[in-house]
C-alpha atoms as a PDB file:
ATOM      1  CA  MET A   1      14.437  19.239 -13.519  1.00  0.00           C
ATOM      2  CA  ILE A   2      14.904  15.662 -11.597  1.00  0.00           C
ATOM      3  CA  ASP A   3      18.359  15.840  -9.668  1.00  0.00           C
ATOM      4  CA  SER A   4      19.303  12.227 -11.058  1.00  0.00           C
ATOM      5  CA  LYS A   5      21.664  11.773  -7.866  1.00  0.00           C
ATOM      6  CA  THR A   6      18.937  12.411  -5.580  1.00  0.00           C
ATOM      7  CA  ALA A   7      16.311  10.856  -7.367  1.00  0.00           C
ATOM      8  CA  PRO A   8      17.140   6.806  -6.580  1.00  0.00           C
ATOM      9  CA  TYR A   9      17.091   8.006  -2.584  1.00  0.00           C
ATOM     10  CA  ALA A  10      14.202   9.899  -2.600  1.00  0.00           C
ATOM     11  CA  ALA A  11      12.331   6.821  -4.308  1.00  0.00           C
ATOM     12  CA  LEU A  12      13.967   4.771  -1.404  1.00  0.00           C
ATOM     13  CA  ALA A  13      12.564   6.948   1.300  1.00  0.00           C
ATOM     14  CA  LEU A  14       9.078   6.945   0.025  1.00  0.00           C
ATOM     15  CA  ARG A  15       9.348   3.152  -0.482  1.00  0.00           C
ATOM     16  CA  VAL A  16      10.630   2.457   3.207  1.00  0.00           C
ATOM     17  CA  THR A  17       7.873   4.553   4.283  1.00  0.00           C
ATOM     18  CA  LEU A  18       5.169   2.790   2.529  1.00  0.00           C
ATOM     19  CA  GLY A  19       6.124  -0.341   3.426  1.00  0.00           C
ATOM     20  CA  VAL A  20       6.320   0.411   6.872  1.00  0.00           C
ATOM     21  CA  ALA A  21       3.435   1.761   6.745  1.00  0.00           C
ATOM     22  CA  PHE A  22       1.546  -1.369   5.481  1.00  0.00           C
ATOM     23  CA  LEU A  23       3.129  -3.062   8.054  1.00  0.00           C
ATOM     24  CA  ALA A  24       1.474  -0.999  10.848  1.00  0.00           C
ATOM     25  CA  HIS A  25      -1.509  -1.116   9.455  1.00  0.00           C
ATOM     26  CA  ALA A  26      -1.531  -4.940   9.406  1.00  0.00           C
ATOM     27  CA  GLY A  27      -0.643  -5.393  12.845  1.00  0.00           C
ATOM     28  CA  LEU A  28      -3.424  -3.309  13.659  1.00  0.00           C
ATOM     29  CA  LYS A  29      -5.944  -5.316  11.894  1.00  0.00           C
ATOM     30  CA  VAL A  30      -3.790  -8.504  13.701  1.00  0.00           C
ATOM     31  CA  PHE A  31      -2.918  -7.723  17.033  1.00  0.00           C
ATOM     32  CA  VAL A  32      -5.404  -4.497  17.839  1.00  0.00           C
ATOM     33  CA  PHE A  33      -8.851  -5.315  16.219  1.00  0.00           C
ATOM     34  CA  THR A  34      -7.438  -9.226  15.770  1.00  0.00           C
ATOM     35  CA  ILE A  35      -8.020 -10.991  12.742  1.00  0.00           C
ATOM     36  CA  PRO A  36     -11.956 -12.051  13.449  1.00  0.00           C
ATOM     37  CA  GLY A  37     -12.307  -8.453  14.684  1.00  0.00           C
ATOM     38  CA  THR A  38     -11.464  -7.493  10.998  1.00  0.00           C
ATOM     39  CA  VAL A  39     -13.165  -9.775   9.881  1.00  0.00           C
ATOM     40  CA  GLY A  40     -16.411  -8.583  11.398  1.00  0.00           C
ATOM     41  CA  PHE A  41     -16.088  -4.768  10.919  1.00  0.00           C
ATOM     42  CA  PHE A  42     -15.326  -5.753   7.085  1.00  0.00           C
ATOM     43  CA  GLU A  43     -18.667  -7.358   7.090  1.00  0.00           C
ATOM     44  CA  SER A  44     -20.276  -4.602   9.215  1.00  0.00           C
ATOM     45  CA  ILE A  45     -19.674  -2.382   6.329  1.00  0.00           C
ATOM     46  CA  GLY A  46     -21.036  -4.278   3.472  1.00  0.00           C
ATOM     47  CA  TYR A  47     -17.605  -5.991   2.104  1.00  0.00           C
ATOM     48  CA  PRO A  48     -17.640 -10.035   2.234  1.00  0.00           C
ATOM     49  CA  GLY A  49     -15.590 -10.894   5.335  1.00  0.00           C
ATOM     50  CA  PHE A  50     -12.648 -13.140   2.793  1.00  0.00           C
ATOM     51  CA  PHE A  51     -11.733  -9.515   1.858  1.00  0.00           C
ATOM     52  CA  ALA A  52      -9.988  -8.770   5.543  1.00  0.00           C
ATOM     53  CA  TYR A  53      -7.846 -11.949   4.838  1.00  0.00           C
ATOM     54  CA  LEU A  54      -6.501 -10.445   1.541  1.00  0.00           C
ATOM     55  CA  VAL A  55      -6.698  -6.915   2.253  1.00  0.00           C
ATOM     56  CA  ILE A  56      -4.187  -8.455   5.729  1.00  0.00           C
ATOM     57  CA  LEU A  57      -2.149 -10.566   3.106  1.00  0.00           C
ATOM     58  CA  ALA A  58      -1.994  -7.660   0.729  1.00  0.00           C
ATOM     59  CA  GLU A  59      -0.731  -5.376   3.399  1.00  0.00           C
ATOM     60  CA  VAL A  60       2.046  -7.786   4.837  1.00  0.00           C
ATOM     61  CA  GLY A  61       3.188  -8.630   1.580  1.00  0.00           C
ATOM     62  CA  GLY A  62       3.132  -5.726  -0.342  1.00  0.00           C
ATOM     63  CA  GLY A  63       4.672  -4.082   2.906  1.00  0.00           C
ATOM     64  CA  ALA A  64       7.583  -6.640   2.661  1.00  0.00           C
ATOM     65  CA  ALA A  65       8.067  -6.040  -0.472  1.00  0.00           C
ATOM     66  CA  LEU A  66       8.092  -2.238  -0.840  1.00  0.00           C
ATOM     67  CA  ILE A  67      10.923  -2.139   1.621  1.00  0.00           C
ATOM     68  CA  LEU A  68      13.049  -4.869   0.328  1.00  0.00           C
ATOM     69  CA  GLY A  69      12.448  -3.041  -3.002  1.00  0.00           C
ATOM     70  CA  THR A  70      11.113  -6.144  -4.864  1.00  0.00           C
ATOM     71  CA  TYR A  71       9.110  -5.703  -7.999  1.00  0.00           C
ATOM     72  CA  THR A  72       8.450  -2.204  -6.260  1.00  0.00           C
ATOM     73  CA  ARG A  73       6.676  -0.993  -9.559  1.00  0.00           C
ATOM     74  CA  LEU A  74       4.002  -3.771  -9.895  1.00  0.00           C
ATOM     75  CA  VAL A  75       3.554  -4.105  -6.061  1.00  0.00           C
ATOM     76  CA  ALA A  76       2.393  -0.123  -5.772  1.00  0.00           C
ATOM     77  CA  VAL A  77       0.101  -0.910  -8.583  1.00  0.00           C
ATOM     78  CA  ALA A  78      -0.948  -4.176  -7.185  1.00  0.00           C
ATOM     79  CA  LEU A  79      -2.141  -2.062  -3.852  1.00  0.00           C
ATOM     80  CA  ILE A  80      -3.526   1.001  -5.289  1.00  0.00           C
ATOM     81  CA  PRO A  81      -7.313  -1.211  -5.293  1.00  0.00           C
ATOM     82  CA  VAL A  82      -6.832  -1.619  -0.990  1.00  0.00           C
ATOM     83  CA  LEU A  83      -6.391   1.298  -0.906  1.00  0.00           C
ATOM     84  CA  ILE A  84      -9.225   2.559  -3.338  1.00  0.00           C
ATOM     85  CA  GLY A  85     -11.421   0.161  -1.044  1.00  0.00           C
ATOM     86  CA  ALA A  86     -10.650   2.378   2.276  1.00  0.00           C
ATOM     87  CA  VAL A  87     -11.043   5.691   0.406  1.00  0.00           C
ATOM     88  CA  ALA A  88     -14.658   4.393  -0.909  1.00  0.00           C
ATOM     89  CA  GLN A  89     -15.708   3.558   2.796  1.00  0.00           C
ATOM     90  CA  HIS A  90     -13.932   6.851   4.179  1.00  0.00           C
ATOM     91  CA  ALA A  91     -15.831   8.393   1.429  1.00  0.00           C
ATOM     92  CA  GLY A  92     -18.969   9.225   3.224  1.00  0.00           C
ATOM     93  CA  ASN A  93     -17.137  10.455   6.848  1.00  0.00           C
ATOM     94  CA  GLY A  94     -16.196  13.835   5.123  1.00  0.00           C
ATOM     95  CA  TRP A  95     -12.653  15.555   4.236  1.00  0.00           C
ATOM     96  CA  LEU A  96     -10.806  15.109   7.829  1.00  0.00           C
ATOM     97  CA  PHE A  97      -9.656  11.737   9.252  1.00  0.00           C
ATOM     98  CA  THR A  98     -10.023  12.791  12.464  1.00  0.00           C
ATOM     99  CA  ASN A  99     -14.340  13.069  11.822  1.00  0.00           C
ATOM    100  CA  GLU A 100     -15.825   9.952  13.336  1.00  0.00           C
ATOM    101  CA  GLY A 101     -14.962   6.990  11.384  1.00  0.00           C
ATOM    102  CA  GLY A 102     -11.932   8.426   9.380  1.00  0.00           C
ATOM    103  CA  GLY A 103     -12.163  11.230   6.795  1.00  0.00           C
ATOM    104  CA  TRP A 104     -11.052  10.137   2.779  1.00  0.00           C
ATOM    105  CA  GLU A 105      -8.209  12.702   2.297  1.00  0.00           C
ATOM    106  CA  PHE A 106      -5.715  10.202   4.351  1.00  0.00           C
ATOM    107  CA  PRO A 107      -6.180   6.958   2.378  1.00  0.00           C
ATOM    108  CA  ALA A 108      -6.685   9.291  -1.179  1.00  0.00           C
ATOM    109  CA  PHE A 109      -3.251  10.784  -0.214  1.00  0.00           C
ATOM    110  CA  TRP A 110      -1.866   7.282   0.142  1.00  0.00           C
ATOM    111  CA  THR A 111      -2.937   6.207  -2.834  1.00  0.00           C
ATOM    112  CA  MET A 112      -1.574   8.956  -5.042  1.00  0.00           C
ATOM    113  CA  THR A 113       1.765   8.039  -3.081  1.00  0.00           C
ATOM    114  CA  LEU A 114       1.594   4.626  -4.698  1.00  0.00           C
ATOM    115  CA  VAL A 115       1.363   5.950  -7.762  1.00  0.00           C
ATOM    116  CA  VAL A 116       4.238   8.243  -7.132  1.00  0.00           C
ATOM    117  CA  GLN A 117       5.915   5.073  -6.298  1.00  0.00           C
ATOM    118  CA  ALA A 118       5.108   3.047  -9.257  1.00  0.00           C
ATOM    119  CA  LEU A 119       6.264   5.717 -11.484  1.00  0.00           C
ATOM    120  CA  LEU A 120       9.752   6.031  -9.684  1.00  0.00           C
ATOM    121  CA  GLY A 121      10.500   2.886  -9.770  1.00  0.00           C
ATOM    122  CA  SER A 122      12.232   1.052  -6.944  1.00  0.00           C
ATOM    123  CA  GLY A 123      15.127   3.779  -6.565  1.00  0.00           C
ATOM    124  CA  ALA A 124      18.342   2.841  -4.350  1.00  0.00           C
ATOM    125  CA  HIS A 125      19.070   0.032  -2.043  1.00  0.00           C
ATOM    126  CA  ALA A 126      16.159  -2.542  -4.043  1.00  0.00           C
ATOM    127  CA  LEU A 127      16.642  -6.109  -4.048  1.00  0.00           C
ATOM    128  CA  ARG A 128      16.105  -6.849  -8.076  1.00  0.00           C
ATOM    129  CA  LEU A 129      14.706 -10.070  -9.097  1.00  0.00           C
ATOM    130  CA  PRO A 130      13.980 -11.058 -12.148  1.00  0.00           C
ATOM    131  CA  LEU A 131      10.346 -11.576 -13.873  1.00  0.00           C
ATOM    132  CA  PRO A 132       9.012 -14.588 -14.850  1.00  0.00           C
ATOM    133  CA  LYS A 133       9.734 -14.306 -18.661  1.00  0.00           C
ATOM    134  CA  PRO A 134       5.733 -13.427 -19.724  1.00  0.00           C
ATOM    135  CA  LEU A 135       5.996  -9.868 -17.789  1.00  0.00           C
ATOM    136  CA  PRO A 136       7.729  -7.140 -18.673  1.00  0.00           C
ATOM    137  CA  GLN A 137      11.252  -6.185 -17.386  1.00  0.00           C
ATOM    138  CA  ALA A 138      10.042  -2.473 -16.899  1.00  0.00           C
ATOM    139  CA  LEU A 139       7.177  -3.691 -14.061  1.00  0.00           C
ATOM    140  CA  ALA A 140      10.556  -4.829 -11.804  1.00  0.00           C
ATOM    141  CA  ALA A 141      12.526  -1.582 -11.445  1.00  0.00           C
END
């Protein structure tokens, strides 16, 4: 049974944790690996270089939106392909993320947390903005 008093705070905790993790990963790509280094890495693993820019943009924008609680369901669903790409990249490295090149369990777990967030919605203390008319309001929560 879901506790309706604490569930909004669970969604808040998950949402903020996901947002901070996405911002941290974007920061790693920008400040540690550098943007040109990240582009080069993406190209070295067979992805088009411009995907690096899209991933960084998704991580910064999505991370900030999750922290704020803005369009949480929509943002969580939109970030899933980024993590599926990470799972695909790490799949050949084995189970554990401590393996050389990183394993696939961490990005797979992170993918599922986005699914859970999309199902839960924004939770407590979210900045709720109206969606444009063609989109269903259920995506905003």
